[in-house]
Protein backbone atom coordinates (compact mmCIF):
# COMPACT_ATOMS: atom_id res chain seq x y z
CA VAL A 1 37.38 1.76 9.74
CA ARG A 2 35.67 -1.57 9.23
CA VAL A 3 35.51 -2.42 12.94
CA SER A 4 34.16 0.96 14.08
CA SER A 5 31.55 1.03 11.32
CA SER A 6 30.50 -2.54 12.16
CA TYR A 7 29.91 -1.73 15.85
CA MET A 8 27.92 1.39 14.99
CA SER A 9 25.90 -0.55 12.41
CA ILE A 10 25.01 -3.17 15.03
CA ILE A 11 23.83 -0.42 17.41
CA ILE A 12 21.76 1.16 14.61
CA PHE A 13 20.22 -2.18 13.64
CA GLY A 14 19.25 -3.10 17.20
CA SER A 15 17.83 0.35 17.95
CA MET A 16 15.77 0.43 14.76
CA ILE A 17 14.22 -2.95 15.60
CA VAL A 18 13.08 -1.52 18.94
CA LEU A 19 11.73 1.68 17.36
CA VAL A 20 9.85 -0.16 14.61
CA ALA A 21 8.35 -2.65 17.09
CA ILE A 22 7.07 0.20 19.27
CA GLY A 23 5.77 2.09 16.22
CA ILE A 24 3.82 -0.92 14.97
CA SER A 25 2.44 -1.64 18.44
CA HIS A 26 1.29 1.97 18.90
CA SER A 27 -0.59 2.00 15.57
CA GLY A 28 -2.73 -0.97 16.61
CA GLY A 29 -0.47 -3.91 15.98
CA LEU A 30 0.80 -5.83 12.98
CA SER A 31 -2.65 -6.86 11.75
CA HIS A 32 -3.78 -3.22 11.65
CA SER A 33 -0.75 -2.13 9.63
CA LEU A 34 -1.16 -4.95 7.13
CA SER A 35 -4.88 -4.18 6.70
CA GLN A 36 -4.18 -0.66 5.45
CA SER A 37 -4.29 0.06 1.70
CA THR A 38 -1.91 3.03 1.70
CA PHE A 39 0.64 1.50 -0.64
CA SER A 40 -1.58 -0.89 -2.58
CA GLU A 41 -3.39 2.08 -4.12
CA ALA A 42 -0.29 2.97 -6.14
CA PRO A 43 -0.09 1.41 -9.64
CA ALA A 44 2.16 -1.65 -9.74
CA GLY A 45 4.22 -0.19 -12.59
CA THR A 46 4.88 3.03 -10.68
CA ALA A 47 5.84 1.12 -7.55
CA LEU A 48 8.24 -1.09 -9.53
CA TRP A 49 9.86 1.88 -11.29
CA LYS A 50 10.38 3.77 -8.03
CA SER A 51 11.93 0.63 -6.52
CA ILE A 52 14.39 0.39 -9.41
CA VAL A 53 15.34 4.09 -9.12
CA TYR A 54 15.79 3.67 -5.37
CA ALA A 55 18.01 0.63 -5.93
CA ALA A 56 20.09 2.66 -8.38
CA PHE A 57 20.38 5.47 -5.84
CA GLN A 58 21.62 2.99 -3.23
CA CYS A 59 24.35 1.90 -5.65
CA THR A 60 26.02 5.28 -5.23
CA GLY A 61 26.61 4.50 -1.57
CA VAL A 62 27.59 0.87 -2.08
CA ILE A 63 30.83 1.86 -3.84
CA GLY A 64 32.11 3.84 -0.88
CA VAL A 65 31.12 1.19 1.64
CA THR A 66 32.67 -1.57 -0.49
CA VAL A 67 36.01 0.21 -0.63
CA ALA A 68 35.89 0.84 3.13
CA VAL A 69 35.34 -2.83 4.07
CA SER A 70 37.33 -4.47 1.26
CA ASP A 71 40.44 -4.76 3.44
CA GLY A 72 38.67 -7.32 5.60
CA LEU A 73 37.52 -9.46 2.68
CA LYS A 74 40.19 -12.02 1.85
CA SER A 75 38.47 -14.03 -0.88
CA LYS A 76 35.56 -14.13 -3.31
CA GLU A 77 33.73 -16.31 -0.80
CA ASP A 78 34.00 -13.56 1.82
CA SER A 79 32.72 -11.03 -0.72
CA LYS A 80 29.73 -13.23 -1.54
CA LYS A 81 28.88 -13.67 2.14
CA ALA A 82 29.17 -9.92 2.78
CA THR A 83 26.96 -9.20 -0.23
CA ALA A 84 24.35 -11.76 0.83
CA TRP A 85 24.16 -10.41 4.37
CA GLY A 86 23.98 -6.86 3.08
CA ILE A 87 21.02 -7.72 0.85
CA ILE A 88 19.21 -9.60 3.63
CA ILE A 89 19.68 -6.87 6.25
CA ASN A 90 18.69 -4.03 3.90
CA ALA A 91 15.66 -5.93 2.63
CA LEU A 92 14.59 -6.70 6.21
CA PHE A 93 14.91 -3.04 7.15
CA LEU A 94 12.84 -1.89 4.20
CA VAL A 95 10.08 -4.45 4.80
CA VAL A 96 9.61 -3.82 8.52
CA ILE A 97 9.77 -0.03 8.12
CA ALA A 98 7.23 -0.19 5.29
CA ILE A 99 4.92 -2.29 7.48
CA MET A 100 5.23 0.25 10.28
CA LEU A 101 4.50 3.19 7.95
CA MET A 102 1.38 1.45 6.63
CA GLY A 103 -0.11 2.06 10.07
CA TYR A 104 0.53 5.80 9.68
CA PRO A 105 -0.75 6.76 6.18
CA GLU A 106 -0.18 10.47 6.78
CA ALA A 107 3.54 9.84 7.40
CA VAL A 108 4.18 8.80 3.80
CA THR A 109 4.10 12.39 2.53
CA ASN A 110 6.44 13.60 5.29
CA ASN A 111 10.13 14.19 4.53
CA LEU A 112 11.05 12.31 7.72
CA PRO A 113 8.35 9.62 8.00
CA ASN A 114 10.11 7.59 10.70
CA TYR A 115 10.63 10.67 12.85
CA TYR A 116 6.99 11.61 12.30
CA VAL A 117 5.88 8.21 13.60
CA LEU A 118 7.95 8.67 16.75
CA THR A 119 6.35 12.06 17.42
CA LYS A 120 2.96 10.32 17.26
CA VAL A 121 4.08 7.63 19.69
CA GLY A 122 4.71 10.40 22.20
CA VAL A 123 7.77 8.98 24.01
CA PRO A 124 10.51 11.66 24.17
CA PHE A 125 13.23 9.09 24.79
CA LEU A 126 12.49 7.39 21.47
CA THR A 127 12.84 10.69 19.62
CA VAL A 128 16.24 11.25 21.22
CA LEU A 129 17.23 7.68 20.36
CA TYR A 130 16.21 8.19 16.73
CA VAL A 131 18.29 11.37 16.47
CA ALA A 132 21.24 9.45 17.92
CA ILE A 133 20.72 6.69 15.34
CA VAL A 134 20.70 9.21 12.49
CA TYR A 135 23.88 10.74 13.88
CA LEU A 136 25.57 7.32 13.99
CA ALA A 137 24.41 6.62 10.43
CA CYS A 138 25.98 9.89 9.30
CA VAL A 139 29.21 9.02 11.10
CA THR A 140 29.42 5.55 9.52
CA ASN A 141 28.78 7.02 6.07
CA THR A 142 31.37 9.74 6.63
CA ILE A 143 33.96 7.15 7.65
CA ALA A 144 33.19 4.93 4.67
CA PHE A 145 33.20 7.69 2.07
CA SER A 146 36.25 9.52 3.41
CA HIS A 147 38.15 6.22 3.39
CA ALA A 148 37.00 5.50 -0.16
CA LEU A 149 37.90 8.98 -1.42
CA SER A 150 41.30 8.80 0.25
CA GLY A 151 42.02 5.50 -1.43
CA ARG A 152 40.95 6.86 -4.80
CA TYR A 153 42.49 10.35 -4.85
CA SER A 154 45.44 10.30 -2.42
CA LYS A 155 47.80 9.47 -5.28
CA TYR A 156 47.21 12.92 -6.75
CA PHE A 157 48.61 14.68 -3.66
CA LYS A 158 52.37 15.20 -3.68
CA MET A 159 52.81 14.87 0.07
CA LYS A 160 54.75 12.34 2.12
CA ASN A 161 52.50 12.34 5.17
CA GLU A 162 49.60 10.01 4.35
CA ARG A 163 47.61 11.10 7.40
CA ASN A 164 47.68 14.74 6.27
CA ILE A 165 46.51 13.72 2.80
CA LYS A 166 43.54 11.84 4.25
CA LEU A 167 42.74 14.80 6.48
CA ILE A 168 42.75 17.21 3.53
CA ILE A 169 40.53 14.94 1.44
CA CYS A 170 38.12 14.48 4.36
CA MET A 171 37.91 18.26 4.92
CA MET A 172 37.23 18.82 1.20
CA MET A 173 34.44 16.27 1.35
CA LEU A 174 32.89 17.90 4.42
CA VAL A 175 33.00 21.34 2.76
CA TYR A 176 31.29 19.91 -0.32
CA VAL A 177 28.49 18.14 1.58
CA SER A 178 27.98 21.22 3.77
CA ALA A 179 27.48 23.31 0.64
CA VAL A 180 24.97 20.81 -0.75
CA SER A 181 23.06 20.78 2.54
CA GLY A 182 22.32 24.45 1.95
CA PHE A 183 19.69 23.43 -0.60
CA GLY A 184 17.54 22.08 2.23
CA LEU A 185 16.26 18.64 3.17
CA ASP A 186 13.19 18.77 0.93
CA ALA A 187 15.18 19.59 -2.22
CA ILE A 188 17.83 16.97 -1.44
CA VAL A 189 15.38 14.14 -0.67
CA ARG A 190 12.65 14.80 -3.23
CA THR A 191 14.74 16.11 -6.13
CA GLY A 192 18.40 15.35 -5.53
CA PHE A 193 17.96 11.70 -4.60
CA SER A 194 15.68 11.10 -7.60
CA TYR A 195 18.09 12.61 -10.13
CA LEU A 196 21.00 10.79 -8.52
CA GLY A 197 19.03 7.56 -8.89
CA TYR A 198 18.40 8.23 -12.59
CA VAL A 199 22.10 8.90 -13.21
CA ALA A 200 23.19 5.85 -11.23
CA LEU A 201 20.68 3.69 -13.11
CA VAL A 202 22.51 4.38 -16.37
CA THR A 203 26.08 4.63 -15.08
CA LEU A 204 26.12 1.97 -12.31
CA LEU A 205 23.14 -0.36 -12.00
CA ILE A 206 22.60 -1.35 -15.65
CA PRO A 207 26.33 -1.72 -16.49
CA THR A 208 26.84 -3.85 -13.37
CA ILE A 209 23.93 -6.14 -14.27
């Protein structure tokens, strides 16, 4: 689980660097993106609050990923290193993507802003690459969460075959997420993610701090 997710994460990271670099270049370069006032027009308090809610939302995914990779962490020192690298990589992603989007103000209101930028760049290959990246991201999340759920709930199944138990739990998870997807991307991103962030703020982020 850990090895496969790591390889896919490396592919995602490298591909996103290429896509962001092309997106920034197409908008007029780094200086053009940084000169835009798209995000600075938002009140500082609102921006800070949304950042906190987003951080809380991310906590819901951290639990599954942590369980999935915990087998490879042998000591507290390994855990600290993994945490530090996770923070650095995620922060780097957010910063460079935000810089790219500043060059495309109209993309901010789009449900898929990164995909919108690629449609403006006008290179079909990049659009295909982005779809492949999203697919890999879904696969890595599915692996992490199915592994985490199996570790948490397998003890409640009175079966001897551990592989069958994991398969059943994974199928149950896929049925659940498929049902949720029926609400549509807009409802999930704009409403679902926000409410999940509020809940995680109280139940995960604040208690952890």
